[in-house]
Each structure stands twice: as C-alpha cells, then as structure tokens.
Full PDB file with SEQRES, HELIX, SHEET, SSBOND, CRYST1, ORIGX, SCALE, CONECT and MASTER records, all heavy atoms in Angstrom:
SEQRES   1 A   37  GLY TYR LEU PRO ILE PRO LYS LYS LEU ALA ALA THR GLY          
SEQRES   2 A   37  VAL LYS ASP MET VAL ARG ILE SER ASP ALA ARG MET SER          
SEQRES   3 A   37  GLY THR ALA PHE GLY THR ILE VAL LEU HIS ILE                  
HELIX    1 AA1 LYS A    7  ALA A   10  1                                   4    
SHEET    1 AA1 2 ARG A  19  ILE A  20  0                                        
SHEET    2 AA1 2 ILE A  33  VAL A  34  1                                        
CRYST1    1.000    1.000    1.000  90.00  90.00  90.00 P 1           1          
ORIGX1      1.000000  0.000000  0.000000        0.00000                         
ORIGX2      0.000000  1.000000  0.000000        0.00000                         
ORIGX3      0.000000  0.000000  1.000000        0.00000                         
SCALE1      1.000000  0.000000  0.000000        0.00000                         
SCALE2      0.000000  1.000000  0.000000        0.00000                         
SCALE3      0.000000  0.000000  1.000000        0.00000                         
ATOM      1  N   GLY A   1       1.211   0.424  13.430  1.00  0.00           N  
ATOM      2  CA  GLY A   1       1.416   1.319  14.597  1.00  0.00           C  
ATOM      3  C   GLY A   1       2.678   2.116  14.509  1.00  0.00           C  
ATOM      4  O   GLY A   1       2.781   3.151  15.156  1.00  0.00           O  
ATOM      5  N   TYR A   2       3.615   1.691  13.692  1.00  0.00           N  
ATOM      6  CA  TYR A   2       4.869   2.420  13.441  1.00  0.00           C  
ATOM      7  C   TYR A   2       4.538   3.463  12.392  1.00  0.00           C  
ATOM      8  O   TYR A   2       4.998   3.426  11.258  1.00  0.00           O  
ATOM      9  CB  TYR A   2       5.934   1.430  12.969  1.00  0.00           C  
ATOM     10  CG  TYR A   2       7.327   2.050  12.804  1.00  0.00           C  
ATOM     11  CD1 TYR A   2       8.103   2.402  13.905  1.00  0.00           C  
ATOM     12  CD2 TYR A   2       7.831   2.262  11.515  1.00  0.00           C  
ATOM     13  CE1 TYR A   2       9.374   2.893  13.691  1.00  0.00           C  
ATOM     14  CE2 TYR A   2       9.067   2.781  11.303  1.00  0.00           C  
ATOM     15  CZ  TYR A   2       9.891   3.133  12.427  1.00  0.00           C  
ATOM     16  OH  TYR A   2      11.129   3.643  12.225  1.00  0.00           O  
ATOM     17  N   LEU A   3       3.724   4.451  12.805  1.00  0.00           N  
ATOM     18  CA  LEU A   3       3.366   5.514  11.875  1.00  0.00           C  
ATOM     19  C   LEU A   3       4.656   6.243  11.380  1.00  0.00           C  
ATOM     20  O   LEU A   3       5.470   6.557  12.207  1.00  0.00           O  
ATOM     21  CB  LEU A   3       2.419   6.530  12.536  1.00  0.00           C  
ATOM     22  CG  LEU A   3       0.965   6.240  12.646  1.00  0.00           C  
ATOM     23  CD1 LEU A   3       0.685   5.138  13.681  1.00  0.00           C  
ATOM     24  CD2 LEU A   3       0.148   7.461  13.001  1.00  0.00           C  
ATOM     25  N   PRO A   4       4.750   6.506  10.080  1.00  0.00           N  
ATOM     26  CA  PRO A   4       5.938   7.243   9.629  1.00  0.00           C  
ATOM     27  C   PRO A   4       5.929   8.627  10.154  1.00  0.00           C  
ATOM     28  O   PRO A   4       4.911   9.266  10.322  1.00  0.00           O  
ATOM     29  CB  PRO A   4       5.773   7.144   8.099  1.00  0.00           C  
ATOM     30  CG  PRO A   4       4.354   6.944   7.822  1.00  0.00           C  
ATOM     31  CD  PRO A   4       3.833   6.116   9.002  1.00  0.00           C  
ATOM     32  N   ILE A   5       7.131   9.122  10.440  1.00  0.00           N  
ATOM     33  CA  ILE A   5       7.301  10.560  10.730  1.00  0.00           C  
ATOM     34  C   ILE A   5       6.913  11.349   9.510  1.00  0.00           C  
ATOM     35  O   ILE A   5       7.430  11.049   8.398  1.00  0.00           O  
ATOM     36  CB  ILE A   5       8.722  10.870  11.165  1.00  0.00           C  
ATOM     37  CG1 ILE A   5       9.165  10.002  12.369  1.00  0.00           C  
ATOM     38  CG2 ILE A   5       8.892  12.323  11.457  1.00  0.00           C  
ATOM     39  CD1 ILE A   5       8.363  10.235  13.620  1.00  0.00           C  
ATOM     40  N   PRO A   6       6.030  12.302   9.613  1.00  0.00           N  
ATOM     41  CA  PRO A   6       5.675  13.130   8.424  1.00  0.00           C  
ATOM     42  C   PRO A   6       6.919  13.607   7.723  1.00  0.00           C  
ATOM     43  O   PRO A   6       7.897  14.052   8.367  1.00  0.00           O  
ATOM     44  CB  PRO A   6       4.830  14.279   9.065  1.00  0.00           C  
ATOM     45  CG  PRO A   6       4.227  13.685  10.266  1.00  0.00           C  
ATOM     46  CD  PRO A   6       5.284  12.750  10.816  1.00  0.00           C  
ATOM     47  N   LYS A   7       6.916  13.539   6.386  1.00  0.00           N  
ATOM     48  CA  LYS A   7       8.130  13.782   5.606  1.00  0.00           C  
ATOM     49  C   LYS A   7       8.728  15.155   5.893  1.00  0.00           C  
ATOM     50  O   LYS A   7       9.942  15.310   6.004  1.00  0.00           O  
ATOM     51  CB  LYS A   7       7.802  13.634   4.137  1.00  0.00           C  
ATOM     52  CG  LYS A   7       9.041  13.715   3.251  1.00  0.00           C  
ATOM     53  CD  LYS A   7       8.793  13.425   1.789  1.00  0.00           C  
ATOM     54  CE  LYS A   7       8.610  11.939   1.574  1.00  0.00           C  
ATOM     55  NZ  LYS A   7       8.568  11.586   0.092  1.00  0.00           N  
ATOM     56  N   LYS A   8       7.863  16.150   6.091  1.00  0.00           N  
ATOM     57  CA  LYS A   8       8.396  17.478   6.317  1.00  0.00           C  
ATOM     58  C   LYS A   8       9.159  17.605   7.665  1.00  0.00           C  
ATOM     59  O   LYS A   8      10.024  18.416   7.804  1.00  0.00           O  
ATOM     60  CB  LYS A   8       7.291  18.537   6.188  1.00  0.00           C  
ATOM     61  CG  LYS A   8       6.302  18.623   7.308  1.00  0.00           C  
ATOM     62  CD  LYS A   8       5.330  19.792   7.059  1.00  0.00           C  
ATOM     63  CE  LYS A   8       4.432  20.092   8.254  1.00  0.00           C  
ATOM     64  NZ  LYS A   8       3.523  21.222   7.949  1.00  0.00           N  
ATOM     65  N   LEU A   9       8.717  16.753   8.636  1.00  0.00           N  
ATOM     66  CA  LEU A   9       9.444  16.730   9.936  1.00  0.00           C  
ATOM     67  C   LEU A   9      10.691  15.874   9.809  1.00  0.00           C  
ATOM     68  O   LEU A   9      11.712  16.191  10.367  1.00  0.00           O  
ATOM     69  CB  LEU A   9       8.539  16.191  11.019  1.00  0.00           C  
ATOM     70  CG  LEU A   9       7.284  17.025  11.364  1.00  0.00           C  
ATOM     71  CD1 LEU A   9       6.516  16.404  12.531  1.00  0.00           C  
ATOM     72  CD2 LEU A   9       7.684  18.470  11.751  1.00  0.00           C  
ATOM     73  N   ALA A  10      10.573  14.723   9.107  1.00  0.00           N  
ATOM     74  CA  ALA A  10      11.770  13.827   8.928  1.00  0.00           C  
ATOM     75  C   ALA A  10      12.897  14.625   8.247  1.00  0.00           C  
ATOM     76  O   ALA A  10      14.054  14.397   8.584  1.00  0.00           O  
ATOM     77  CB  ALA A  10      11.355  12.570   8.120  1.00  0.00           C  
ATOM     78  N   ALA A  11      12.542  15.483   7.323  1.00  0.00           N  
ATOM     79  CA  ALA A  11      13.531  16.239   6.585  1.00  0.00           C  
ATOM     80  C   ALA A  11      14.297  17.200   7.496  1.00  0.00           C  
ATOM     81  O   ALA A  11      15.456  17.569   7.173  1.00  0.00           O  
ATOM     82  CB  ALA A  11      12.922  16.979   5.413  1.00  0.00           C  
ATOM     83  N   THR A  12      13.708  17.563   8.631  1.00  0.00           N  
ATOM     84  CA  THR A  12      14.382  18.461   9.567  1.00  0.00           C  
ATOM     85  C   THR A  12      15.116  17.692  10.643  1.00  0.00           C  
ATOM     86  O   THR A  12      15.711  18.316  11.524  1.00  0.00           O  
ATOM     87  CB  THR A  12      13.373  19.410  10.223  1.00  0.00           C  
ATOM     88  OG1 THR A  12      12.504  18.634  11.100  1.00  0.00           O  
ATOM     89  CG2 THR A  12      12.548  20.148   9.197  1.00  0.00           C  
ATOM     90  N   GLY A  13      15.107  16.375  10.538  1.00  0.00           N  
ATOM     91  CA  GLY A  13      15.871  15.578  11.529  1.00  0.00           C  
ATOM     92  C   GLY A  13      15.068  14.903  12.604  1.00  0.00           C  
ATOM     93  O   GLY A  13      15.609  14.247  13.523  1.00  0.00           O  
ATOM     94  N   VAL A  14      13.747  15.083  12.608  1.00  0.00           N  
ATOM     95  CA  VAL A  14      12.897  14.433  13.615  1.00  0.00           C  
ATOM     96  C   VAL A  14      12.863  12.926  13.402  1.00  0.00           C  
ATOM     97  O   VAL A  14      12.596  12.450  12.300  1.00  0.00           O  
ATOM     98  CB  VAL A  14      11.447  15.016  13.548  1.00  0.00           C  
ATOM     99  CG1 VAL A  14      10.541  14.234  14.508  1.00  0.00           C  
ATOM    100  CG2 VAL A  14      11.429  16.489  13.838  1.00  0.00           C  
ATOM    101  N   LYS A  15      13.260  12.179  14.453  1.00  0.00           N  
ATOM    102  CA  LYS A  15      13.344  10.731  14.328  1.00  0.00           C  
ATOM    103  C   LYS A  15      12.274   9.989  15.121  1.00  0.00           C  
ATOM    104  O   LYS A  15      12.055   8.817  14.920  1.00  0.00           O  
ATOM    105  CB  LYS A  15      14.754  10.260  14.739  1.00  0.00           C  
ATOM    106  CG  LYS A  15      15.857  10.700  13.805  1.00  0.00           C  
ATOM    107  CD  LYS A  15      17.229  10.133  14.230  1.00  0.00           C  
ATOM    108  CE  LYS A  15      18.262  10.391  13.176  1.00  0.00           C  
ATOM    109  NZ  LYS A  15      18.464  11.848  12.889  1.00  0.00           N  
ATOM    110  N   ASP A  16      11.630  10.676  16.066  1.00  0.00           N  
ATOM    111  CA  ASP A  16      10.634   9.979  16.882  1.00  0.00           C  
ATOM    112  C   ASP A  16       9.580  10.992  17.335  1.00  0.00           C  
ATOM    113  O   ASP A  16       9.852  12.218  17.499  1.00  0.00           O  
ATOM    114  CB  ASP A  16      11.276   9.309  18.132  1.00  0.00           C  
ATOM    115  CG  ASP A  16      10.392   8.327  18.843  1.00  0.00           C  
ATOM    116  OD1 ASP A  16       9.347   7.953  18.260  1.00  0.00           O  
ATOM    117  OD2 ASP A  16      10.746   7.923  19.982  1.00  0.00           O  
ATOM    118  N   MET A  17       8.347  10.512  17.463  1.00  0.00           N  
ATOM    119  CA  MET A  17       7.241  11.263  18.029  1.00  0.00           C  
ATOM    120  C   MET A  17       6.388  10.280  18.792  1.00  0.00           C  
ATOM    121  O   MET A  17       6.471   9.070  18.523  1.00  0.00           O  
ATOM    122  CB  MET A  17       6.403  11.890  16.890  1.00  0.00           C  
ATOM    123  CG  MET A  17       7.113  12.879  16.060  1.00  0.00           C  
ATOM    124  SD  MET A  17       6.040  13.409  14.644  1.00  0.00           S  
ATOM    125  CE  MET A  17       4.711  14.260  15.501  1.00  0.00           C  
ATOM    126  N   VAL A  18       5.515  10.720  19.672  1.00  0.00           N  
ATOM    127  CA  VAL A  18       4.605   9.832  20.283  1.00  0.00           C  
ATOM    128  C   VAL A  18       3.488   9.528  19.217  1.00  0.00           C  
ATOM    129  O   VAL A  18       2.946  10.403  18.566  1.00  0.00           O  
ATOM    130  CB  VAL A  18       3.847  10.482  21.497  1.00  0.00           C  
ATOM    131  CG1 VAL A  18       2.779   9.596  22.039  1.00  0.00           C  
ATOM    132  CG2 VAL A  18       4.911  10.802  22.590  1.00  0.00           C  
ATOM    133  N   ARG A  19       3.299   8.225  19.046  1.00  0.00           N  
ATOM    134  CA  ARG A  19       2.306   7.720  18.077  1.00  0.00           C  
ATOM    135  C   ARG A  19       1.442   6.675  18.773  1.00  0.00           C  
ATOM    136  O   ARG A  19       1.923   5.843  19.502  1.00  0.00           O  
ATOM    137  CB  ARG A  19       3.063   7.096  16.880  1.00  0.00           C  
ATOM    138  CG  ARG A  19       3.738   8.145  16.011  1.00  0.00           C  
ATOM    139  CD  ARG A  19       4.851   7.511  15.168  1.00  0.00           C  
ATOM    140  NE  ARG A  19       6.100   7.438  15.881  1.00  0.00           N  
ATOM    141  CZ  ARG A  19       7.251   6.962  15.336  1.00  0.00           C  
ATOM    142  NH1 ARG A  19       7.238   6.481  14.109  1.00  0.00           N  
ATOM    143  NH2 ARG A  19       8.329   6.910  16.028  1.00  0.00           N  
ATOM    144  N   ILE A  20       0.139   6.801  18.575  1.00  0.00           N  
ATOM    145  CA  ILE A  20      -0.814   5.901  19.239  1.00  0.00           C  
ATOM    146  C   ILE A  20      -1.812   5.358  18.241  1.00  0.00           C  
ATOM    147  O   ILE A  20      -2.239   6.026  17.324  1.00  0.00           O  
ATOM    148  CB  ILE A  20      -1.494   6.557  20.439  1.00  0.00           C  
ATOM    149  CG1 ILE A  20      -2.542   7.532  20.001  1.00  0.00           C  
ATOM    150  CG2 ILE A  20      -0.518   7.237  21.387  1.00  0.00           C  
ATOM    151  CD1 ILE A  20      -3.441   8.050  21.098  1.00  0.00           C  
ATOM    152  N   SER A  21      -2.217   4.084  18.502  1.00  0.00           N  
ATOM    153  CA  SER A  21      -3.190   3.420  17.592  1.00  0.00           C  
ATOM    154  C   SER A  21      -3.724   2.150  18.233  1.00  0.00           C  
ATOM    155  O   SER A  21      -3.277   1.723  19.284  1.00  0.00           O  
ATOM    156  CB  SER A  21      -2.559   3.099  16.264  1.00  0.00           C  
ATOM    157  OG  SER A  21      -1.702   1.981  16.382  1.00  0.00           O  
ATOM    158  N   ASP A  22      -4.731   1.567  17.563  1.00  0.00           N  
ATOM    159  CA  ASP A  22      -5.207   0.245  17.955  1.00  0.00           C  
ATOM    160  C   ASP A  22      -4.547  -0.859  17.088  1.00  0.00           C  
ATOM    161  O   ASP A  22      -4.962  -1.980  17.115  1.00  0.00           O  
ATOM    162  CB  ASP A  22      -6.781   0.164  17.809  1.00  0.00           C  
ATOM    163  CG  ASP A  22      -7.262   0.755  16.511  1.00  0.00           C  
ATOM    164  OD1 ASP A  22      -6.482   1.036  15.592  1.00  0.00           O  
ATOM    165  OD2 ASP A  22      -8.506   0.910  16.417  1.00  0.00           O  
ATOM    166  N   ALA A  23      -3.484  -0.457  16.352  1.00  0.00           N  
ATOM    167  CA  ALA A  23      -2.756  -1.383  15.479  1.00  0.00           C  
ATOM    168  C   ALA A  23      -1.659  -2.141  16.294  1.00  0.00           C  
ATOM    169  O   ALA A  23      -1.504  -1.908  17.492  1.00  0.00           O  
ATOM    170  CB  ALA A  23      -2.135  -0.653  14.371  1.00  0.00           C  
ATOM    171  N   ARG A  24      -0.943  -2.992  15.578  1.00  0.00           N  
ATOM    172  CA  ARG A  24       0.246  -3.630  16.122  1.00  0.00           C  
ATOM    173  C   ARG A  24       1.452  -2.940  15.531  1.00  0.00           C  
ATOM    174  O   ARG A  24       1.380  -2.054  14.715  1.00  0.00           O  
ATOM    175  CB  ARG A  24       0.272  -5.110  15.769  1.00  0.00           C  
ATOM    176  CG  ARG A  24      -0.845  -5.953  16.392  1.00  0.00           C  
ATOM    177  CD  ARG A  24      -0.761  -7.393  15.969  1.00  0.00           C  
ATOM    178  NE  ARG A  24      -0.930  -7.508  14.502  1.00  0.00           N  
ATOM    179  CZ  ARG A  24      -0.001  -7.983  13.674  1.00  0.00           C  
ATOM    180  NH1 ARG A  24       1.158  -8.346  14.129  1.00  0.00           N  
ATOM    181  NH2 ARG A  24      -0.278  -8.059  12.364  1.00  0.00           N  
ATOM    182  N   MET A  25       2.644  -3.378  15.992  1.00  0.00           N  
ATOM    183  CA  MET A  25       3.907  -2.915  15.424  1.00  0.00           C  
ATOM    184  C   MET A  25       4.812  -4.085  15.314  1.00  0.00           C  
ATOM    185  O   MET A  25       4.866  -4.979  16.167  1.00  0.00           O  
ATOM    186  CB  MET A  25       4.498  -1.866  16.379  1.00  0.00           C  
ATOM    187  CG  MET A  25       5.884  -1.311  15.986  1.00  0.00           C  
ATOM    188  SD  MET A  25       6.519  -0.110  17.119  1.00  0.00           S  
ATOM    189  CE  MET A  25       7.080  -1.117  18.518  1.00  0.00           C  
ATOM    190  N   SER A  26       5.570  -4.087  14.210  1.00  0.00           N  
ATOM    191  CA  SER A  26       6.598  -5.190  14.077  1.00  0.00           C  
ATOM    192  C   SER A  26       7.573  -5.140  15.214  1.00  0.00           C  
ATOM    193  O   SER A  26       7.951  -4.065  15.730  1.00  0.00           O  
ATOM    194  CB  SER A  26       7.378  -4.957  12.745  1.00  0.00           C  
ATOM    195  OG  SER A  26       8.488  -5.782  12.723  1.00  0.00           O  
ATOM    196  N   GLY A  27       7.940  -6.314  15.687  1.00  0.00           N  
ATOM    197  CA  GLY A  27       8.950  -6.374  16.774  1.00  0.00           C  
ATOM    198  C   GLY A  27      10.274  -5.810  16.336  1.00  0.00           C  
ATOM    199  O   GLY A  27      11.132  -5.519  17.193  1.00  0.00           O  
ATOM    200  N   THR A  28      10.529  -5.619  15.064  1.00  0.00           N  
ATOM    201  CA  THR A  28      11.738  -5.024  14.529  1.00  0.00           C  
ATOM    202  C   THR A  28      11.737  -3.537  14.584  1.00  0.00           C  
ATOM    203  O   THR A  28      12.774  -2.932  14.356  1.00  0.00           O  
ATOM    204  CB  THR A  28      12.001  -5.484  13.134  1.00  0.00           C  
ATOM    205  OG1 THR A  28      10.980  -4.907  12.249  1.00  0.00           O  
ATOM    206  CG2 THR A  28      11.983  -7.001  12.975  1.00  0.00           C  
ATOM    207  N   ALA A  29      10.600  -2.921  14.915  1.00  0.00           N  
ATOM    208  CA  ALA A  29      10.458  -1.463  14.898  1.00  0.00           C  
ATOM    209  C   ALA A  29      10.814  -0.853  16.251  1.00  0.00           C  
ATOM    210  O   ALA A  29      10.992  -1.531  17.237  1.00  0.00           O  
ATOM    211  CB  ALA A  29       9.028  -1.117  14.473  1.00  0.00           C  
ATOM    212  N   PHE A  30      10.912   0.450  16.231  1.00  0.00           N  
ATOM    213  CA  PHE A  30      11.348   1.157  17.409  1.00  0.00           C  
ATOM    214  C   PHE A  30      10.648   2.545  17.493  1.00  0.00           C  
ATOM    215  O   PHE A  30      10.122   3.015  16.440  1.00  0.00           O  
ATOM    216  CB  PHE A  30      12.855   1.370  17.443  1.00  0.00           C  
ATOM    217  CG  PHE A  30      13.386   1.906  16.144  1.00  0.00           C  
ATOM    218  CD1 PHE A  30      13.522   3.278  15.923  1.00  0.00           C  
ATOM    219  CD2 PHE A  30      13.740   1.025  15.097  1.00  0.00           C  
ATOM    220  CE1 PHE A  30      13.969   3.759  14.742  1.00  0.00           C  
ATOM    221  CE2 PHE A  30      14.247   1.530  13.869  1.00  0.00           C  
ATOM    222  CZ  PHE A  30      14.329   2.920  13.717  1.00  0.00           C  
ATOM    223  N   GLY A  31      10.676   3.140  18.655  1.00  0.00           N  
ATOM    224  CA  GLY A  31      10.053   4.461  18.769  1.00  0.00           C  
ATOM    225  C   GLY A  31       9.065   4.511  19.969  1.00  0.00           C  
ATOM    226  O   GLY A  31       8.782   3.482  20.548  1.00  0.00           O  
ATOM    227  N   THR A  32       8.595   5.701  20.245  1.00  0.00           N  
ATOM    228  CA  THR A  32       7.653   5.873  21.361  1.00  0.00           C  
ATOM    229  C   THR A  32       6.219   5.663  20.817  1.00  0.00           C  
ATOM    230  O   THR A  32       5.536   6.565  20.424  1.00  0.00           O  
ATOM    231  CB  THR A  32       7.853   7.285  21.976  1.00  0.00           C  
ATOM    232  OG1 THR A  32       9.211   7.506  22.195  1.00  0.00           O  
ATOM    233  CG2 THR A  32       7.077   7.389  23.286  1.00  0.00           C  
ATOM    234  N   ILE A  33       5.873   4.442  20.818  1.00  0.00           N  
ATOM    235  CA  ILE A  33       4.663   3.990  20.069  1.00  0.00           C  
ATOM    236  C   ILE A  33       3.709   3.245  20.970  1.00  0.00           C  
ATOM    237  O   ILE A  33       4.094   2.179  21.490  1.00  0.00           O  
ATOM    238  CB  ILE A  33       5.030   3.160  18.819  1.00  0.00           C  
ATOM    239  CG1 ILE A  33       5.948   3.992  17.914  1.00  0.00           C  
ATOM    240  CG2 ILE A  33       3.825   2.656  18.104  1.00  0.00           C  
ATOM    241  CD1 ILE A  33       6.561   3.221  16.784  1.00  0.00           C  
ATOM    242  N   VAL A  34       2.480   3.739  21.136  1.00  0.00           N  
ATOM    243  CA  VAL A  34       1.478   3.120  21.946  1.00  0.00           C  
ATOM    244  C   VAL A  34       0.616   2.250  21.026  1.00  0.00           C  
ATOM    245  O   VAL A  34       0.125   2.770  20.006  1.00  0.00           O  
ATOM    246  CB  VAL A  34       0.604   4.170  22.691  1.00  0.00           C  
ATOM    247  CG1 VAL A  34      -0.537   3.499  23.412  1.00  0.00           C  
ATOM    248  CG2 VAL A  34       1.486   4.960  23.658  1.00  0.00           C  
ATOM    249  N   LEU A  35       0.384   1.000  21.446  1.00  0.00           N  
ATOM    250  CA  LEU A  35      -0.263  -0.006  20.540  1.00  0.00           C  
ATOM    251  C   LEU A  35      -1.375  -0.665  21.237  1.00  0.00           C  
ATOM    252  O   LEU A  35      -1.515  -0.595  22.449  1.00  0.00           O  
ATOM    253  CB  LEU A  35       0.781  -1.024  20.139  1.00  0.00           C  
ATOM    254  CG  LEU A  35       2.033  -0.501  19.468  1.00  0.00           C  
ATOM    255  CD1 LEU A  35       3.204  -1.518  19.614  1.00  0.00           C  
ATOM    256  CD2 LEU A  35       1.786  -0.216  17.989  1.00  0.00           C  
ATOM    257  N   HIS A  36      -2.137  -1.439  20.454  1.00  0.00           N  
ATOM    258  CA  HIS A  36      -3.164  -2.375  20.919  1.00  0.00           C  
ATOM    259  C   HIS A  36      -4.253  -1.684  21.730  1.00  0.00           C  
ATOM    260  O   HIS A  36      -4.842  -2.312  22.623  1.00  0.00           O  
ATOM    261  CB  HIS A  36      -2.515  -3.476  21.771  1.00  0.00           C  
ATOM    262  CG  HIS A  36      -1.435  -4.201  21.160  1.00  0.00           C  
ATOM    263  ND1 HIS A  36      -0.787  -5.277  21.742  1.00  0.00           N  
ATOM    264  CD2 HIS A  36      -0.795  -4.038  19.922  1.00  0.00           C  
ATOM    265  CE1 HIS A  36       0.174  -5.745  20.962  1.00  0.00           C  
ATOM    266  NE2 HIS A  36       0.203  -5.000  19.858  1.00  0.00           N  
ATOM    267  N   ILE A  37      -4.521  -0.400  21.501  1.00  0.00           N  
ATOM    268  CA  ILE A  37      -5.574   0.248  22.293  1.00  0.00           C  
ATOM    269  C   ILE A  37      -6.892  -0.479  22.184  1.00  0.00           C  
ATOM    270  O   ILE A  37      -7.337  -0.841  21.109  1.00  0.00           O  
ATOM    271  CB  ILE A  37      -5.715   1.738  21.851  1.00  0.00           C  
ATOM    272  CG1 ILE A  37      -4.502   2.531  22.212  1.00  0.00           C  
ATOM    273  CG2 ILE A  37      -6.981   2.377  22.417  1.00  0.00           C  
ATOM    274  CD1 ILE A  37      -4.551   3.992  21.811  1.00  0.00           C  
TER     275      ILE A  37                                                      
MASTER        0    0    0    1    2    0    0    6  274    1    0    3          
END                                                                             
C-alpha cells in the first residue's frame, strides 16, 4: 500500500501523494495512504 512516489516526481521533491489500494502497509511506513479497501 506504500506505493512508491513515481521517480520523476520524487526527483522534483515530491514526498507524498494520496495512494489507495486493497493492500496493507507496514506500520513503519508513512504518508497519505488509504488501505484495506
């Protein structure tokens, strides 16, 4: 669920985006991430 920021956006300094999935996310991860749909 912690989808990586697309490399071309990460290279410009983007650190977070809204990301959604039916996956899980490690408790060690961070970001605006919607999970367990």
